[in-house]
Amino acid sequence: MTTASLPIHRSRLGDGTGALITPSDSTVRLIDIAPVLLDELREAGHLLLRGFAPSVEDFNELVQKCSAKVTLDPARTFHGDVAQLVDSGTDSIGLHIENGATPYPPDLLWFHCVTAAASGSQTTVCDGRRVWEQLDEPTRQLFLDNPVVFARSVSETQWRQFTAFSLGGGRKPEEVTLDDLRFLADQGNATVTEREDGSVHYAFQTHAAHPSKWSEQITWANSIFGPSYNYETPEIRFEHAAIPREVLDELARITEEVTEEIAWQDGDVVLIDNSRVMHGRRPITDTRRTIVNAQSFAA
């Protein structure tokens, strides 16, 4: 179909509600679709933008146009104003929402494929709404009743860089304080403690099943199965007990059943509702694969 307000085509992507957006002709630029992008995302949960042949600069421009605020991963390298190089080794990566093991998950997660792998290395996506639909009632109630706690330490360099960038105003990492970091985490569900070496330890409480940014419909979207590349592996448990092994096994099976794969092509852009759709990665088999990403809050 052709979207009425813009010369683009929208078609179904995979078995869920994801959408493939392509230009109707070669004159349509990536930035041209910014006015409708978040409306499309609200319905689809994740979008694959293909055929626009953008540069990294075009990708940066789109992210900034659609975002009220951009955030970052302090362990990654910038490519332009907002894009950061994805460098997470070559092993498979479990499903997670971006920064879901911290008090700072962004609304939007963006990827831009600069160079696609010749084979394999697919990004995985899993709509938490579909997971929730598959869960039996006792498991649903377990996650509605019990918040999950993520706890780990973060180095001084990383927390200072993140805090300075998030606060804005031109402050340098060495100028921010622990109170600044606590201010950013002030959601009533996080504690931050400084260690003697300047690192911090935090404990963050959240629900694994919750409404998403644009809907009251419950979604099972979290970072229980998420990676810890570049960071200390967090402790993940319910507030007062461990998450039962049989429950984790059930969720691993169900999430895999509804997981879909994005086979990248050069120039592809993917936009994900980070409050609803988890993502991961199959093992990298072609190290020429180059992906940049960005994290932001919706305008």
Protein backbone atom coordinates (compact mmCIF):
# COMPACT_ATOMS: atom_id res chain seq x y z
CA MET A 1 0.00 0.00 0.00
CA THR A 2 1.02 3.65 -0.45
CA THR A 3 0.79 5.86 2.63
CA ALA A 4 -1.46 8.75 1.65
CA SER A 5 0.62 11.57 3.12
CA LEU A 6 3.97 10.49 1.67
CA PRO A 7 5.24 8.61 -1.40
CA ILE A 8 6.16 5.47 0.52
CA HIS A 9 4.93 1.90 0.55
CA ARG A 10 4.08 0.01 3.72
CA SER A 11 3.87 -3.78 3.83
CA ARG A 12 3.83 -6.47 6.47
CA LEU A 13 7.16 -7.59 7.92
CA GLY A 14 7.21 -11.13 9.25
CA ASP A 15 4.40 -12.88 11.11
CA GLY A 16 3.63 -10.15 13.63
CA THR A 17 2.73 -6.47 13.32
CA GLY A 18 6.15 -5.24 12.17
CA ALA A 19 6.19 -3.15 9.00
CA LEU A 20 8.48 -2.72 6.00
CA ILE A 21 8.65 0.87 4.73
CA THR A 22 10.06 1.48 1.24
CA PRO A 23 10.17 4.61 -0.97
CA SER A 24 7.86 4.82 -3.98
CA ASP A 25 10.71 6.25 -6.07
CA SER A 26 14.37 7.19 -5.83
CA THR A 27 13.68 10.85 -5.00
CA VAL A 28 12.32 10.05 -1.52
CA ARG A 29 14.96 10.67 1.14
CA LEU A 30 15.11 9.10 4.58
CA ILE A 31 14.46 12.42 6.32
CA ASP A 32 11.28 12.88 4.26
CA ILE A 33 9.49 10.14 6.18
CA ALA A 34 10.18 11.65 9.62
CA PRO A 35 6.67 13.18 9.96
CA VAL A 36 4.94 9.77 9.88
CA LEU A 37 7.58 7.54 11.40
CA LEU A 38 6.40 7.50 15.02
CA ASP A 39 2.77 7.05 13.96
CA GLU A 40 3.85 3.98 12.00
CA LEU A 41 5.87 2.72 14.96
CA ARG A 42 2.96 2.98 17.39
CA GLU A 43 1.05 0.42 15.34
CA ALA A 44 3.89 -1.83 14.21
CA GLY A 45 6.22 -2.05 17.21
CA HIS A 46 9.22 -2.18 14.87
CA LEU A 47 9.95 -0.86 11.38
CA LEU A 48 12.41 -1.81 8.66
CA LEU A 49 13.19 1.15 6.38
CA ARG A 50 14.69 -0.21 3.17
CA GLY A 51 15.66 1.30 -0.16
CA PHE A 52 16.45 4.85 0.98
CA ALA A 53 20.26 4.41 0.61
CA PRO A 54 21.10 6.74 3.51
CA SER A 55 24.53 7.77 4.72
CA VAL A 56 25.42 7.71 8.42
CA GLU A 57 24.87 11.48 8.35
CA ASP A 58 21.34 10.94 6.99
CA PHE A 59 20.71 8.44 9.79
CA ASN A 60 21.92 10.93 12.40
CA GLU A 61 19.63 13.59 10.96
CA LEU A 62 16.58 11.30 11.09
CA VAL A 63 17.21 10.31 14.70
CA GLN A 64 17.53 13.92 15.78
CA LYS A 65 14.41 14.95 13.86
CA CYS A 66 12.26 12.30 15.57
CA SER A 67 13.70 12.62 19.06
CA ALA A 68 13.27 15.00 21.96
CA LYS A 69 16.52 13.79 23.51
CA VAL A 70 19.31 11.43 22.52
CA THR A 71 21.10 9.20 25.01
CA LEU A 72 24.12 6.90 24.67
CA ASP A 73 25.97 3.77 25.66
CA PRO A 74 29.18 5.00 27.34
CA ALA A 75 31.03 1.87 26.20
CA ARG A 76 30.51 2.61 22.48
CA THR A 77 32.21 4.93 20.01
CA PHE A 78 30.36 7.79 18.32
CA HIS A 79 29.99 8.07 14.54
CA GLY A 80 28.56 11.54 14.05
CA ASP A 81 26.29 13.36 16.49
CA VAL A 82 24.17 10.43 17.69
CA ALA A 83 25.19 7.17 15.98
CA GLN A 84 27.42 4.75 17.87
CA LEU A 85 29.22 1.71 16.52
CA VAL A 86 27.70 -1.59 17.67
CA ASP A 87 30.62 -3.66 18.94
CA SER A 88 29.36 -6.59 21.02
CA GLY A 89 31.63 -9.42 19.98
CA THR A 90 30.58 -12.22 17.64
CA ASP A 91 28.52 -14.53 19.86
CA SER A 92 24.74 -14.60 19.79
CA ILE A 93 23.01 -11.99 21.98
CA GLY A 94 19.92 -12.77 24.03
CA LEU A 95 16.67 -10.86 23.71
CA HIS A 96 16.48 -7.63 25.68
CA ILE A 97 15.25 -4.07 25.64
CA GLU A 98 18.05 -1.52 25.33
CA ASN A 99 19.35 -0.43 28.74
CA GLY A 100 16.62 -2.54 30.31
CA ALA A 101 18.92 -3.60 33.14
CA THR A 102 19.31 0.06 34.16
CA PRO A 103 16.95 2.87 35.24
CA TYR A 104 17.55 4.58 31.87
CA PRO A 105 15.83 2.64 29.04
CA PRO A 106 15.19 4.85 25.99
CA ASP A 107 11.86 5.03 24.15
CA LEU A 108 13.37 4.44 20.73
CA LEU A 109 16.13 2.17 19.50
CA TRP A 110 17.61 2.83 16.04
CA PHE A 111 19.93 0.72 13.88
CA HIS A 112 21.60 1.56 10.57
CA CYS A 113 23.36 -1.12 8.53
CA VAL A 114 26.42 0.40 6.87
CA THR A 115 27.73 -2.96 5.61
CA ALA A 116 25.63 -6.11 5.74
CA ALA A 117 27.02 -9.57 6.40
CA ALA A 118 27.17 -11.91 3.42
CA SER A 119 25.26 -14.47 5.49
CA GLY A 120 24.02 -15.01 9.04
CA SER A 121 24.44 -12.35 11.76
CA GLN A 122 20.74 -11.49 11.72
CA THR A 123 19.25 -9.14 14.29
CA THR A 124 16.38 -10.77 16.17
CA VAL A 125 13.19 -9.02 17.25
CA CYS A 126 10.50 -10.29 19.60
CA ASP A 127 7.25 -8.41 20.26
CA GLY A 128 6.51 -8.59 23.97
CA ARG A 129 2.79 -8.47 23.28
CA ARG A 130 3.02 -11.79 21.45
CA VAL A 131 4.99 -13.27 24.36
CA TRP A 132 2.34 -12.13 26.84
CA GLU A 133 -0.41 -13.73 24.77
CA GLN A 134 1.38 -17.09 24.98
CA LEU A 135 1.92 -17.13 28.74
CA ASP A 136 -0.37 -19.14 31.00
CA GLU A 137 -2.26 -17.34 33.74
CA PRO A 138 -0.02 -18.38 36.67
CA THR A 139 3.08 -17.09 34.87
CA ARG A 140 1.33 -13.85 33.98
CA GLN A 141 0.30 -13.32 37.58
CA LEU A 142 3.81 -14.09 38.80
CA PHE A 143 5.24 -11.22 36.76
CA LEU A 144 2.39 -8.84 37.51
CA ASP A 145 2.82 -9.39 41.24
CA ASN A 146 6.62 -9.46 41.45
CA PRO A 147 8.96 -6.71 40.26
CA VAL A 148 12.38 -7.75 38.98
CA VAL A 149 15.58 -6.35 40.48
CA PHE A 150 18.71 -5.73 38.39
CA ALA A 151 21.88 -5.00 40.36
CA ARG A 152 25.51 -4.50 39.29
CA SER A 153 28.53 -2.19 39.42
CA VAL A 154 29.53 0.30 36.70
CA SER A 155 32.98 1.85 36.30
CA GLU A 156 33.66 5.47 37.15
CA THR A 157 34.56 6.32 33.55
CA GLN A 158 31.27 4.90 32.26
CA TRP A 159 28.92 6.48 34.79
CA ARG A 160 30.59 9.88 34.49
CA GLN A 161 30.46 9.86 30.69
CA PHE A 162 26.82 8.79 30.69
CA THR A 163 25.83 11.42 33.27
CA ALA A 164 27.62 14.29 31.54
CA PHE A 165 26.04 13.44 28.17
CA SER A 166 22.57 12.98 29.67
CA LEU A 167 22.62 16.26 31.61
CA GLY A 168 23.84 18.28 28.64
CA GLY A 169 24.93 21.86 29.13
CA GLY A 170 28.54 21.26 28.18
CA ARG A 171 29.65 19.77 31.49
CA LYS A 172 32.65 17.44 31.31
CA PRO A 173 32.59 13.93 32.82
CA GLU A 174 35.01 14.99 35.57
CA GLU A 175 32.64 17.81 36.58
CA VAL A 176 29.55 15.69 37.31
CA THR A 177 28.76 14.25 40.74
CA LEU A 178 27.10 11.20 42.15
CA ASP A 179 24.10 13.38 43.01
CA ASP A 180 23.78 14.19 39.29
CA LEU A 181 23.62 10.47 38.51
CA ARG A 182 21.08 9.93 41.29
CA PHE A 183 19.01 12.77 39.86
CA LEU A 184 18.85 11.00 36.52
CA ALA A 185 17.79 7.78 38.25
CA ASP A 186 15.17 9.45 40.47
CA GLN A 187 12.25 7.15 39.68
CA GLY A 188 11.71 5.94 43.25
CA ASN A 189 12.90 2.48 42.30
CA ALA A 190 16.69 2.75 42.12
CA THR A 191 19.50 3.06 44.67
CA VAL A 192 23.03 4.15 43.71
CA THR A 193 26.04 3.62 46.00
CA GLU A 194 29.60 4.81 45.39
CA ARG A 195 32.51 2.41 45.78
CA GLU A 196 36.01 3.27 47.01
CA ASP A 197 37.47 3.03 43.50
CA GLY A 198 34.98 5.58 42.12
CA SER A 199 32.71 3.02 40.52
CA VAL A 200 29.05 2.79 41.54
CA HIS A 201 26.78 -0.08 42.42
CA TYR A 202 23.10 0.26 41.61
CA ALA A 203 19.98 -1.78 42.29
CA PHE A 204 17.03 -1.07 40.02
CA GLN A 205 13.52 -2.43 40.39
CA THR A 206 11.05 -2.69 37.52
CA HIS A 207 8.29 -4.92 36.17
CA ALA A 208 9.13 -7.33 33.36
CA ALA A 209 5.48 -7.19 32.19
CA HIS A 210 4.06 -3.69 31.78
CA PRO A 211 2.19 -1.31 29.48
CA SER A 212 4.26 0.10 26.61
CA LYS A 213 4.88 3.76 25.82
CA TRP A 214 1.95 4.11 23.46
CA SER A 215 -0.47 1.50 24.79
CA GLU A 216 -1.95 0.20 28.04
CA GLN A 217 -1.82 -3.30 26.56
CA ILE A 218 0.56 -5.47 28.62
CA THR A 219 3.84 -6.49 27.02
CA TRP A 220 6.50 -8.86 28.39
CA ALA A 221 9.53 -6.78 27.39
CA ASN A 222 12.63 -6.64 29.57
CA SER A 223 16.30 -7.60 29.81
CA ILE A 224 16.07 -10.83 31.82
CA PHE A 225 17.79 -12.68 28.94
CA GLY A 226 19.94 -9.71 27.96
CA PRO A 227 23.70 -9.50 27.37
CA SER A 228 26.41 -7.95 29.54
CA TYR A 229 29.06 -7.22 26.91
CA ASN A 230 31.31 -4.35 28.12
CA TYR A 231 29.63 -4.46 31.55
CA GLU A 232 29.55 -6.57 34.70
CA THR A 233 26.93 -9.33 34.55
CA PRO A 234 24.00 -8.13 36.68
CA GLU A 235 22.23 -10.04 39.39
CA ILE A 236 18.65 -10.58 38.15
CA ARG A 237 15.95 -11.80 40.53
CA PHE A 238 12.53 -11.06 41.92
CA GLU A 239 12.52 -8.64 44.84
CA HIS A 240 12.22 -11.41 47.45
CA ALA A 241 13.18 -14.60 45.60
CA ALA A 242 14.99 -16.04 42.61
CA ILE A 243 13.08 -16.34 39.33
CA PRO A 244 12.21 -20.06 39.12
CA ARG A 245 14.29 -22.01 36.60
CA GLU A 246 11.22 -23.65 35.11
CA VAL A 247 9.69 -20.23 34.47
CA LEU A 248 12.85 -19.03 32.71
CA ASP A 249 12.87 -22.19 30.59
CA GLU A 250 9.24 -21.63 29.61
CA LEU A 251 9.95 -18.03 28.65
CA ALA A 252 13.05 -18.98 26.65
CA ARG A 253 10.92 -21.42 24.64
CA ILE A 254 8.04 -19.01 24.07
CA THR A 255 10.21 -16.04 23.14
CA GLU A 256 12.11 -18.13 20.60
CA GLU A 257 8.83 -19.31 19.05
CA VAL A 258 7.72 -15.73 18.32
CA THR A 259 11.16 -14.29 17.54
CA GLU A 260 11.73 -13.04 13.99
CA GLU A 261 14.96 -12.27 12.17
CA ILE A 262 16.04 -9.21 10.20
CA ALA A 263 18.42 -10.21 7.42
CA TRP A 264 20.26 -6.94 6.85
CA GLN A 265 20.90 -5.27 3.51
CA ASP A 266 23.29 -2.36 3.01
CA GLY A 267 21.56 0.91 3.93
CA ASP A 268 18.76 -0.62 6.01
CA VAL A 269 17.44 1.29 9.01
CA VAL A 270 15.45 -0.38 11.80
CA LEU A 271 13.42 1.50 14.40
CA ILE A 272 12.16 -0.32 17.50
CA ASP A 273 9.68 0.65 20.21
CA ASN A 274 12.03 -0.17 23.09
CA SER A 275 9.18 -0.37 25.61
CA ARG A 276 7.46 -3.15 23.67
CA VAL A 277 9.83 -5.07 21.38
CA MET A 278 12.98 -6.89 22.50
CA HIS A 279 15.94 -7.45 20.21
CA GLY A 280 19.04 -9.62 20.05
CA ARG A 281 21.41 -11.13 17.50
CA ARG A 282 22.35 -14.42 15.91
CA PRO A 283 26.11 -15.23 15.93
CA ILE A 284 28.21 -13.05 13.63
CA THR A 285 29.67 -15.14 10.82
CA ASP A 286 30.95 -12.26 8.67
CA THR A 287 33.04 -9.69 10.52
CA ARG A 288 32.63 -7.15 7.70
CA ARG A 289 29.17 -6.51 9.14
CA THR A 290 29.02 -2.89 10.34
CA ILE A 291 26.01 -1.59 12.27
CA VAL A 292 25.61 1.72 14.05
CA ASN A 293 22.83 2.47 16.46
CA ALA A 294 21.27 5.29 18.45
CA GLN A 295 19.05 5.56 21.49
CA SER A 296 16.57 8.34 22.08
CA PHE A 297 13.38 9.57 23.68
CA ALA A 298 10.40 10.30 21.47
CA ALA A 299 9.62 13.88 20.49
